[in-house]
All heavy atoms as atom14 arrays in JSON, in Angstrom:
{
  "sequence": "LMKTTQSGFEGFYKNEHTTLPERHDRILCGELFCKWSYGECKDFDF",
  "atom14_mask": [
    [1, 1, 1, 1, 1, 1, 1, 1, 0, 0, 0, 0, 0, 0],
    [1, 1, 1, 1, 1, 1, 1, 1, 0, 0, 0, 0, 0, 0],
    [1, 1, 1, 1, 1, 1, 1, 1, 1, 0, 0, 0, 0, 0],
    [1, 1, 1, 1, 1, 1, 1, 0, 0, 0, 0, 0, 0, 0],
    [1, 1, 1, 1, 1, 1, 1, 0, 0, 0, 0, 0, 0, 0],
    [1, 1, 1, 1, 1, 1, 1, 1, 1, 0, 0, 0, 0, 0],
    [1, 1, 1, 1, 1, 1, 0, 0, 0, 0, 0, 0, 0, 0],
    [1, 1, 1, 1, 0, 0, 0, 0, 0, 0, 0, 0, 0, 0],
    [1, 1, 1, 1, 1, 1, 1, 1, 1, 1, 1, 0, 0, 0],
    [1, 1, 1, 1, 1, 1, 1, 1, 1, 0, 0, 0, 0, 0],
    [1, 1, 1, 1, 0, 0, 0, 0, 0, 0, 0, 0, 0, 0],
    [1, 1, 1, 1, 1, 1, 1, 1, 1, 1, 1, 0, 0, 0],
    [1, 1, 1, 1, 1, 1, 1, 1, 1, 1, 1, 1, 0, 0],
    [1, 1, 1, 1, 1, 1, 1, 1, 1, 0, 0, 0, 0, 0],
    [1, 1, 1, 1, 1, 1, 1, 1, 0, 0, 0, 0, 0, 0],
    [1, 1, 1, 1, 1, 1, 1, 1, 1, 0, 0, 0, 0, 0],
    [1, 1, 1, 1, 1, 1, 1, 1, 1, 1, 0, 0, 0, 0],
    [1, 1, 1, 1, 1, 1, 1, 0, 0, 0, 0, 0, 0, 0],
    [1, 1, 1, 1, 1, 1, 1, 0, 0, 0, 0, 0, 0, 0],
    [1, 1, 1, 1, 1, 1, 1, 1, 0, 0, 0, 0, 0, 0],
    [1, 1, 1, 1, 1, 1, 1, 0, 0, 0, 0, 0, 0, 0],
    [1, 1, 1, 1, 1, 1, 1, 1, 1, 0, 0, 0, 0, 0],
    [1, 1, 1, 1, 1, 1, 1, 1, 1, 1, 1, 0, 0, 0],
    [1, 1, 1, 1, 1, 1, 1, 1, 1, 1, 0, 0, 0, 0],
    [1, 1, 1, 1, 1, 1, 1, 1, 0, 0, 0, 0, 0, 0],
    [1, 1, 1, 1, 1, 1, 1, 1, 1, 1, 1, 0, 0, 0],
    [1, 1, 1, 1, 1, 1, 1, 1, 0, 0, 0, 0, 0, 0],
    [1, 1, 1, 1, 1, 1, 1, 1, 0, 0, 0, 0, 0, 0],
    [1, 1, 1, 1, 1, 1, 0, 0, 0, 0, 0, 0, 0, 0],
    [1, 1, 1, 1, 0, 0, 0, 0, 0, 0, 0, 0, 0, 0],
    [1, 1, 1, 1, 1, 1, 1, 1, 1, 0, 0, 0, 0, 0],
    [1, 1, 1, 1, 1, 1, 1, 1, 0, 0, 0, 0, 0, 0],
    [1, 1, 1, 1, 1, 1, 1, 1, 1, 1, 1, 0, 0, 0],
    [1, 1, 1, 1, 1, 1, 0, 0, 0, 0, 0, 0, 0, 0],
    [1, 1, 1, 1, 1, 1, 1, 1, 1, 0, 0, 0, 0, 0],
    [1, 1, 1, 1, 1, 1, 1, 1, 1, 1, 1, 1, 1, 1],
    [1, 1, 1, 1, 1, 1, 0, 0, 0, 0, 0, 0, 0, 0],
    [1, 1, 1, 1, 1, 1, 1, 1, 1, 1, 1, 1, 0, 0],
    [1, 1, 1, 1, 0, 0, 0, 0, 0, 0, 0, 0, 0, 0],
    [1, 1, 1, 1, 1, 1, 1, 1, 1, 0, 0, 0, 0, 0],
    [1, 1, 1, 1, 1, 1, 0, 0, 0, 0, 0, 0, 0, 0],
    [1, 1, 1, 1, 1, 1, 1, 1, 1, 0, 0, 0, 0, 0],
    [1, 1, 1, 1, 1, 1, 1, 1, 0, 0, 0, 0, 0, 0],
    [1, 1, 1, 1, 1, 1, 1, 1, 1, 1, 1, 0, 0, 0],
    [1, 1, 1, 1, 1, 1, 1, 1, 0, 0, 0, 0, 0, 0],
    [1, 1, 1, 1, 1, 1, 1, 1, 1, 1, 1, 0, 0, 0]
  ],
  "atom14_positions": [
    [[97.13, 100.81, 92.05], [97.41, 101.25, 93.41], [96.17, 101.07, 94.28], [95.03, 101.2, 93.81], [97.83, 102.72, 93.42], [99.06, 103.09, 92.59], [99.21, 104.6, 92.48], [100.31, 102.48, 93.21], [0.0, 0.0, 0.0], [0.0, 0.0, 0.0], [0.0, 0.0, 0.0], [0.0, 0.0, 0.0], [0.0, 0.0, 0.0], [0.0, 0.0, 0.0]],
    [[96.4, 100.83, 95.57], [95.28, 100.67, 96.5], [95.69, 101.17, 97.88], [96.82, 100.97, 98.31], [94.86, 99.2, 96.61], [93.79, 98.94, 97.69], [93.54, 97.19, 98.06], [92.68, 96.68, 96.58], [0.0, 0.0, 0.0], [0.0, 0.0, 0.0], [0.0, 0.0, 0.0], [0.0, 0.0, 0.0], [0.0, 0.0, 0.0], [0.0, 0.0, 0.0]],
    [[94.76, 101.83, 98.57], [94.88, 102.03, 100.0], [93.53, 101.7, 100.62], [92.47, 102.0, 100.06], [95.36, 103.43, 100.36], [94.53, 104.6, 99.91], [95.24, 105.88, 100.35], [94.46, 107.13, 100.0], [95.18, 108.34, 100.45], [0.0, 0.0, 0.0], [0.0, 0.0, 0.0], [0.0, 0.0, 0.0], [0.0, 0.0, 0.0], [0.0, 0.0, 0.0]],
    [[93.55, 101.05, 101.79], [92.34, 100.46, 102.36], [91.59, 101.38, 103.3], [90.53, 101.01, 103.8], [92.7, 99.15, 103.09], [93.72, 99.42, 104.06], [93.22, 98.12, 102.1], [0.0, 0.0, 0.0], [0.0, 0.0, 0.0], [0.0, 0.0, 0.0], [0.0, 0.0, 0.0], [0.0, 0.0, 0.0], [0.0, 0.0, 0.0], [0.0, 0.0, 0.0]],
    [[92.13, 102.57, 103.54], [91.44, 103.57, 104.36], [91.99, 104.93, 103.98], [92.7, 105.07, 102.99], [91.62, 103.29, 105.86], [90.79, 104.18, 106.62], [93.07, 103.44, 106.28], [0.0, 0.0, 0.0], [0.0, 0.0, 0.0], [0.0, 0.0, 0.0], [0.0, 0.0, 0.0], [0.0, 0.0, 0.0], [0.0, 0.0, 0.0], [0.0, 0.0, 0.0]],
    [[91.63, 105.96, 104.76], [92.06, 107.32, 104.48], [91.56, 107.8, 103.12], [92.27, 108.49, 102.38], [93.59, 107.46, 104.57], [94.15, 107.39, 105.98], [93.89, 108.66, 106.77], [92.75, 109.11, 106.94], [94.94, 109.28, 107.24], [0.0, 0.0, 0.0], [0.0, 0.0, 0.0], [0.0, 0.0, 0.0], [0.0, 0.0, 0.0], [0.0, 0.0, 0.0]],
    [[90.35, 107.4, 102.78], [89.71, 107.85, 101.55], [88.22, 107.94, 101.77], [87.63, 107.11, 102.48], [90.02, 106.9, 100.39], [89.24, 107.24, 99.25], [0.0, 0.0, 0.0], [0.0, 0.0, 0.0], [0.0, 0.0, 0.0], [0.0, 0.0, 0.0], [0.0, 0.0, 0.0], [0.0, 0.0, 0.0], [0.0, 0.0, 0.0], [0.0, 0.0, 0.0]],
    [[87.6, 108.93, 101.17], [86.16, 109.08, 101.27], [85.61, 109.86, 100.09], [86.36, 110.31, 99.21], [0.0, 0.0, 0.0], [0.0, 0.0, 0.0], [0.0, 0.0, 0.0], [0.0, 0.0, 0.0], [0.0, 0.0, 0.0], [0.0, 0.0, 0.0], [0.0, 0.0, 0.0], [0.0, 0.0, 0.0], [0.0, 0.0, 0.0], [0.0, 0.0, 0.0]],
    [[84.29, 110.01, 100.07], [83.63, 110.8, 99.03], [82.32, 111.31, 99.61], [81.35, 110.56, 99.76], [83.39, 109.96, 97.78], [82.89, 110.75, 96.59], [83.53, 111.91, 96.2], [81.79, 110.32, 95.87], [83.07, 112.64, 95.1], [81.33, 111.04, 94.78], [81.98, 112.21, 94.39], [0.0, 0.0, 0.0], [0.0, 0.0, 0.0], [0.0, 0.0, 0.0]],
    [[82.3, 112.6, 99.96], [81.16, 113.2, 100.64], [80.85, 114.57, 100.05], [81.69, 115.19, 99.38], [81.46, 113.36, 102.14], [81.81, 112.07, 102.85], [82.23, 112.3, 104.29], [83.42, 112.61, 104.52], [81.36, 112.2, 105.18], [0.0, 0.0, 0.0], [0.0, 0.0, 0.0], [0.0, 0.0, 0.0], [0.0, 0.0, 0.0], [0.0, 0.0, 0.0]],
    [[79.65, 115.04, 100.29], [79.26, 116.39, 99.9], [79.07, 116.59, 98.42], [79.1, 117.72, 97.94], [0.0, 0.0, 0.0], [0.0, 0.0, 0.0], [0.0, 0.0, 0.0], [0.0, 0.0, 0.0], [0.0, 0.0, 0.0], [0.0, 0.0, 0.0], [0.0, 0.0, 0.0], [0.0, 0.0, 0.0], [0.0, 0.0, 0.0], [0.0, 0.0, 0.0]],
    [[78.85, 115.52, 97.68], [78.7, 115.64, 96.23], [77.27, 116.04, 95.87], [76.33, 115.93, 96.66], [79.09, 114.34, 95.53], [78.49, 113.1, 96.13], [77.22, 112.67, 95.78], [79.22, 112.35, 97.05], [76.67, 111.53, 96.33], [78.67, 111.2, 97.62], [77.39, 110.79, 97.25], [0.0, 0.0, 0.0], [0.0, 0.0, 0.0], [0.0, 0.0, 0.0]],
    [[77.09, 116.51, 94.63], [75.78, 116.94, 94.14], [74.81, 115.76, 94.09], [75.16, 114.67, 93.65], [75.94, 117.55, 92.75], [74.64, 118.01, 92.12], [74.12, 119.26, 92.4], [73.94, 117.17, 91.26], [72.92, 119.69, 91.83], [72.75, 117.57, 90.69], [72.24, 118.84, 90.98], [71.05, 119.24, 90.42], [0.0, 0.0, 0.0], [0.0, 0.0, 0.0]],
    [[73.58, 116.01, 94.51], [72.57, 114.95, 94.54], [71.29, 115.43, 93.88], [70.93, 116.6, 93.98], [72.28, 114.53, 95.98], [73.49, 114.08, 96.79], [73.11, 113.75, 98.21], [74.34, 113.4, 99.06], [75.21, 114.57, 99.29], [0.0, 0.0, 0.0], [0.0, 0.0, 0.0], [0.0, 0.0, 0.0], [0.0, 0.0, 0.0], [0.0, 0.0, 0.0]],
    [[70.62, 114.51, 93.19], [69.27, 114.76, 92.67], [68.48, 113.46, 92.73], [68.88, 112.51, 93.41], [69.32, 115.35, 91.25], [69.93, 114.4, 90.24], [70.15, 113.22, 90.52], [70.21, 114.9, 89.05], [0.0, 0.0, 0.0], [0.0, 0.0, 0.0], [0.0, 0.0, 0.0], [0.0, 0.0, 0.0], [0.0, 0.0, 0.0], [0.0, 0.0, 0.0]],
    [[67.36, 113.4, 92.02], [66.49, 112.24, 92.12], [67.12, 110.95, 91.57], [66.61, 109.84, 91.81], [65.16, 112.5, 91.39], [65.27, 112.64, 89.87], [65.57, 114.06, 89.4], [66.06, 114.86, 90.25], [65.34, 114.37, 88.23], [0.0, 0.0, 0.0], [0.0, 0.0, 0.0], [0.0, 0.0, 0.0], [0.0, 0.0, 0.0], [0.0, 0.0, 0.0]],
    [[68.23, 111.07, 90.83], [68.89, 109.89, 90.27], [70.06, 109.42, 91.12], [70.73, 108.45, 90.76], [69.38, 110.19, 88.86], [68.3, 110.62, 87.91], [67.26, 109.8, 87.56], [68.09, 111.79, 87.26], [66.45, 110.43, 86.73], [66.93, 111.65, 86.53], [0.0, 0.0, 0.0], [0.0, 0.0, 0.0], [0.0, 0.0, 0.0], [0.0, 0.0, 0.0]],
    [[70.32, 110.09, 92.21], [71.48, 109.75, 93.05], [71.13, 108.61, 93.99], [70.17, 108.72, 94.78], [71.94, 110.97, 93.86], [72.25, 112.04, 92.97], [73.18, 110.63, 94.67], [0.0, 0.0, 0.0], [0.0, 0.0, 0.0], [0.0, 0.0, 0.0], [0.0, 0.0, 0.0], [0.0, 0.0, 0.0], [0.0, 0.0, 0.0], [0.0, 0.0, 0.0]],
    [[71.89, 107.54, 93.92], [71.73, 106.41, 94.84], [73.0, 106.14, 95.64], [72.98, 105.35, 96.59], [71.35, 105.13, 94.07], [72.37, 104.84, 93.1], [70.01, 105.3, 93.35], [0.0, 0.0, 0.0], [0.0, 0.0, 0.0], [0.0, 0.0, 0.0], [0.0, 0.0, 0.0], [0.0, 0.0, 0.0], [0.0, 0.0, 0.0], [0.0, 0.0, 0.0]],
    [[74.1, 106.76, 95.24], [75.38, 106.51, 95.89], [75.39, 107.11, 97.29], [75.14, 108.32, 97.46], [76.52, 107.12, 95.06], [77.95, 106.86, 95.57], [78.33, 105.41, 95.33], [78.94, 107.8, 94.88], [0.0, 0.0, 0.0], [0.0, 0.0, 0.0], [0.0, 0.0, 0.0], [0.0, 0.0, 0.0], [0.0, 0.0, 0.0], [0.0, 0.0, 0.0]],
    [[75.69, 106.33, 98.32], [75.77, 106.89, 99.67], [77.09, 107.62, 99.89], [78.1, 107.32, 99.24], [75.69, 105.64, 100.56], [76.3, 104.55, 99.73], [75.91, 104.86, 98.3], [0.0, 0.0, 0.0], [0.0, 0.0, 0.0], [0.0, 0.0, 0.0], [0.0, 0.0, 0.0], [0.0, 0.0, 0.0], [0.0, 0.0, 0.0], [0.0, 0.0, 0.0]],
    [[77.06, 108.58, 100.8], [78.3, 109.25, 101.18], [79.16, 108.3, 102.01], [78.65, 107.52, 102.81], [78.01, 110.53, 101.96], [77.33, 111.6, 101.12], [77.36, 112.96, 101.79], [77.85, 113.06, 102.94], [76.93, 113.94, 101.15], [0.0, 0.0, 0.0], [0.0, 0.0, 0.0], [0.0, 0.0, 0.0], [0.0, 0.0, 0.0], [0.0, 0.0, 0.0]],
    [[80.47, 108.4, 101.79], [81.39, 107.54, 102.53], [82.57, 108.37, 103.03], [83.13, 109.15, 102.28], [81.89, 106.4, 101.64], [80.79, 105.42, 101.2], [81.31, 104.42, 100.2], [80.28, 103.47, 99.8], [80.39, 102.6, 98.81], [81.52, 102.56, 98.12], [79.41, 101.79, 98.51], [0.0, 0.0, 0.0], [0.0, 0.0, 0.0], [0.0, 0.0, 0.0]],
    [[82.92, 108.15, 104.27], [84.09, 108.84, 104.83], [85.25, 107.88, 105.05], [86.35, 108.3, 105.43], [83.74, 109.54, 106.15], [83.37, 108.59, 107.25], [82.11, 108.08, 107.41], [84.13, 108.04, 108.24], [82.08, 107.26, 108.45], [83.29, 107.22, 108.97], [0.0, 0.0, 0.0], [0.0, 0.0, 0.0], [0.0, 0.0, 0.0], [0.0, 0.0, 0.0]],
    [[85.0, 106.59, 104.84], [86.07, 105.6, 104.98], [85.82, 104.5, 103.95], [84.91, 103.68, 104.1], [86.09, 105.02, 106.39], [87.28, 104.09, 106.62], [88.2, 104.07, 105.76], [87.28, 103.37, 107.63], [0.0, 0.0, 0.0], [0.0, 0.0, 0.0], [0.0, 0.0, 0.0], [0.0, 0.0, 0.0], [0.0, 0.0, 0.0], [0.0, 0.0, 0.0]],
    [[86.61, 104.48, 102.92], [86.44, 103.51, 101.84], [87.79, 103.07, 101.31], [88.83, 103.7, 101.59], [85.62, 104.12, 100.7], [86.35, 105.27, 100.01], [85.63, 105.78, 98.78], [86.38, 106.86, 98.14], [86.05, 107.43, 96.98], [84.97, 107.03, 96.34], [86.79, 108.4, 96.47], [0.0, 0.0, 0.0], [0.0, 0.0, 0.0], [0.0, 0.0, 0.0]],
    [[87.78, 102.03, 100.52], [88.98, 101.62, 99.79], [89.14, 102.52, 98.57], [88.17, 102.78, 97.85], [88.89, 100.15, 99.36], [89.03, 99.23, 100.58], [89.95, 99.81, 98.32], [88.88, 97.76, 100.25], [0.0, 0.0, 0.0], [0.0, 0.0, 0.0], [0.0, 0.0, 0.0], [0.0, 0.0, 0.0], [0.0, 0.0, 0.0], [0.0, 0.0, 0.0]],
    [[90.34, 103.02, 98.36], [90.65, 103.77, 97.14], [91.58, 102.91, 96.3], [92.7, 102.6, 96.71], [91.29, 105.12, 97.46], [91.4, 106.12, 96.31], [91.49, 107.55, 96.85], [92.59, 105.86, 95.41], [0.0, 0.0, 0.0], [0.0, 0.0, 0.0], [0.0, 0.0, 0.0], [0.0, 0.0, 0.0], [0.0, 0.0, 0.0], [0.0, 0.0, 0.0]],
    [[91.08, 102.48, 95.16], [91.88, 101.62, 94.28], [91.73, 102.14, 92.86], [90.63, 102.49, 92.42], [91.39, 100.18, 94.38], [92.28, 99.02, 93.29], [0.0, 0.0, 0.0], [0.0, 0.0, 0.0], [0.0, 0.0, 0.0], [0.0, 0.0, 0.0], [0.0, 0.0, 0.0], [0.0, 0.0, 0.0], [0.0, 0.0, 0.0], [0.0, 0.0, 0.0]],
    [[92.82, 102.21, 92.15], [92.74, 102.71, 90.78], [93.92, 102.27, 89.94], [94.99, 101.9, 90.45], [0.0, 0.0, 0.0], [0.0, 0.0, 0.0], [0.0, 0.0, 0.0], [0.0, 0.0, 0.0], [0.0, 0.0, 0.0], [0.0, 0.0, 0.0], [0.0, 0.0, 0.0], [0.0, 0.0, 0.0], [0.0, 0.0, 0.0], [0.0, 0.0, 0.0]],
    [[93.7, 102.28, 88.63], [94.76, 102.01, 87.67], [95.19, 103.33, 87.06], [94.37, 104.06, 86.5], [94.26, 101.05, 86.6], [95.36, 100.52, 85.7], [94.87, 99.4, 84.8], [94.68, 98.28, 85.29], [94.68, 99.67, 83.6], [0.0, 0.0, 0.0], [0.0, 0.0, 0.0], [0.0, 0.0, 0.0], [0.0, 0.0, 0.0], [0.0, 0.0, 0.0]],
    [[96.46, 103.64, 87.18], [96.95, 104.98, 86.85], [97.71, 105.0, 85.54], [98.5, 104.1, 85.23], [97.84, 105.49, 87.98], [98.4, 106.9, 87.83], [98.27, 107.67, 89.15], [99.86, 106.87, 87.4], [0.0, 0.0, 0.0], [0.0, 0.0, 0.0], [0.0, 0.0, 0.0], [0.0, 0.0, 0.0], [0.0, 0.0, 0.0], [0.0, 0.0, 0.0]],
    [[97.45, 106.07, 84.77], [98.21, 106.41, 83.57], [98.77, 107.81, 83.79], [98.03, 108.73, 84.16], [97.3, 106.39, 82.34], [97.94, 106.97, 81.09], [98.61, 106.16, 80.2], [97.85, 108.33, 80.82], [99.2, 106.68, 79.05], [98.43, 108.87, 79.68], [99.1, 108.04, 78.8], [0.0, 0.0, 0.0], [0.0, 0.0, 0.0], [0.0, 0.0, 0.0]],
    [[100.06, 107.96, 83.57], [100.7, 109.26, 83.78], [101.68, 109.53, 82.63], [102.49, 108.66, 82.29], [101.43, 109.28, 85.12], [102.2, 110.86, 85.51], [0.0, 0.0, 0.0], [0.0, 0.0, 0.0], [0.0, 0.0, 0.0], [0.0, 0.0, 0.0], [0.0, 0.0, 0.0], [0.0, 0.0, 0.0], [0.0, 0.0, 0.0], [0.0, 0.0, 0.0]],
    [[101.56, 110.71, 82.04], [102.42, 111.08, 80.93], [102.87, 112.52, 81.12], [102.06, 113.38, 81.47], [101.66, 110.92, 79.61], [102.43, 111.33, 78.36], [101.55, 111.15, 77.12], [102.22, 111.64, 75.86], [101.36, 111.48, 74.67], [0.0, 0.0, 0.0], [0.0, 0.0, 0.0], [0.0, 0.0, 0.0], [0.0, 0.0, 0.0], [0.0, 0.0, 0.0]],
    [[104.15, 112.79, 80.9], [104.65, 114.14, 81.1], [105.55, 114.57, 79.93], [106.08, 113.74, 79.2], [105.41, 114.25, 82.42], [106.55, 113.3, 82.58], [107.85, 113.47, 82.2], [106.49, 111.98, 83.18], [108.6, 112.37, 82.52], [107.79, 111.44, 83.13], [105.47, 111.23, 83.76], [108.1, 110.18, 83.64], [105.77, 109.97, 84.26], [107.06, 109.47, 84.2]],
    [[105.68, 115.88, 79.8], [106.49, 116.47, 78.74], [107.69, 117.17, 79.34], [107.6, 117.83, 80.38], [105.66, 117.48, 77.95], [106.49, 118.27, 77.11], [0.0, 0.0, 0.0], [0.0, 0.0, 0.0], [0.0, 0.0, 0.0], [0.0, 0.0, 0.0], [0.0, 0.0, 0.0], [0.0, 0.0, 0.0], [0.0, 0.0, 0.0], [0.0, 0.0, 0.0]],
    [[108.84, 117.01, 78.67], [110.06, 117.67, 79.11], [110.24, 119.05, 78.49], [111.18, 119.76, 78.84], [111.28, 116.81, 78.78], [111.38, 115.55, 79.6], [111.11, 114.31, 79.05], [111.75, 115.6, 80.94], [111.21, 113.16, 79.81], [111.84, 114.46, 81.7], [111.58, 113.24, 81.13], [111.67, 112.1, 81.88], [0.0, 0.0, 0.0], [0.0, 0.0, 0.0]],
    [[109.36, 119.44, 77.56], [109.59, 120.69, 76.87], [110.81, 120.56, 75.97], [110.99, 119.57, 75.26], [0.0, 0.0, 0.0], [0.0, 0.0, 0.0], [0.0, 0.0, 0.0], [0.0, 0.0, 0.0], [0.0, 0.0, 0.0], [0.0, 0.0, 0.0], [0.0, 0.0, 0.0], [0.0, 0.0, 0.0], [0.0, 0.0, 0.0], [0.0, 0.0, 0.0]],
    [[111.69, 121.54, 76.01], [112.91, 121.48, 75.21], [113.79, 120.35, 75.7], [114.11, 120.24, 76.88], [113.68, 122.8, 75.3], [114.93, 122.85, 74.42], [115.68, 124.16, 74.54], [115.16, 125.08, 75.21], [116.78, 124.26, 73.98], [0.0, 0.0, 0.0], [0.0, 0.0, 0.0], [0.0, 0.0, 0.0], [0.0, 0.0, 0.0], [0.0, 0.0, 0.0]],
    [[114.17, 119.47, 74.79], [114.94, 118.28, 75.16], [116.41, 118.65, 75.39], [117.06, 119.25, 74.53], [114.83, 117.23, 74.06], [115.66, 115.7, 74.48], [0.0, 0.0, 0.0], [0.0, 0.0, 0.0], [0.0, 0.0, 0.0], [0.0, 0.0, 0.0], [0.0, 0.0, 0.0], [0.0, 0.0, 0.0], [0.0, 0.0, 0.0], [0.0, 0.0, 0.0]],
    [[116.9, 118.3, 76.57], [118.3, 118.56, 76.91], [118.96, 117.24, 77.33], [118.37, 116.18, 77.24], [118.38, 119.6, 78.02], [117.8, 120.96, 77.64], [117.91, 121.96, 78.78], [117.32, 123.3, 78.4], [117.38, 124.28, 79.5], [0.0, 0.0, 0.0], [0.0, 0.0, 0.0], [0.0, 0.0, 0.0], [0.0, 0.0, 0.0], [0.0, 0.0, 0.0]],
    [[120.17, 117.33, 77.81], [120.92, 116.15, 78.21], [120.48, 115.74, 79.61], [121.19, 115.97, 80.6], [122.42, 116.43, 78.15], [123.24, 115.17, 78.39], [122.67, 114.08, 78.25], [124.42, 115.29, 78.74], [0.0, 0.0, 0.0], [0.0, 0.0, 0.0], [0.0, 0.0, 0.0], [0.0, 0.0, 0.0], [0.0, 0.0, 0.0], [0.0, 0.0, 0.0]],
    [[119.29, 115.13, 79.71], [118.74, 114.75, 80.99], [119.15, 113.32, 81.34], [119.41, 112.49, 80.47], [117.21, 114.81, 80.97], [116.64, 116.19, 80.78], [115.49, 116.39, 80.03], [117.24, 117.3, 81.36], [114.95, 117.64, 79.86], [116.72, 118.56, 81.19], [115.57, 118.74, 80.44], [0.0, 0.0, 0.0], [0.0, 0.0, 0.0], [0.0, 0.0, 0.0]],
    [[119.17, 113.03, 82.64], [119.3, 111.66, 83.12], [117.88, 111.1, 83.18], [117.21, 111.17, 84.21], [119.98, 111.62, 84.49], [120.26, 110.2, 84.96], [119.59, 109.27, 84.47], [121.13, 110.02, 85.83], [0.0, 0.0, 0.0], [0.0, 0.0, 0.0], [0.0, 0.0, 0.0], [0.0, 0.0, 0.0], [0.0, 0.0, 0.0], [0.0, 0.0, 0.0]],
    [[117.41, 110.56, 82.06], [116.02, 110.15, 81.96], [115.65, 109.05, 82.96], [114.55, 109.05, 83.5], [115.7, 109.7, 80.53], [115.73, 110.81, 79.51], [116.74, 110.87, 78.56], [114.75, 111.78, 79.5], [116.77, 111.89, 77.62], [114.77, 112.79, 78.56], [115.78, 112.85, 77.62], [0.0, 0.0, 0.0], [0.0, 0.0, 0.0], [0.0, 0.0, 0.0]]
  ]
}
């Protein structure tokens, strides 16, 4: 999935090893894995 705006990363913890700049407008792109449990199995329309 990707969106080319409406994403940022600001206000994060910083120390002497931090080089990442804060961003309020960036591309958000990621590969997603999603797994869910139904609990007790019934006659669902899976």
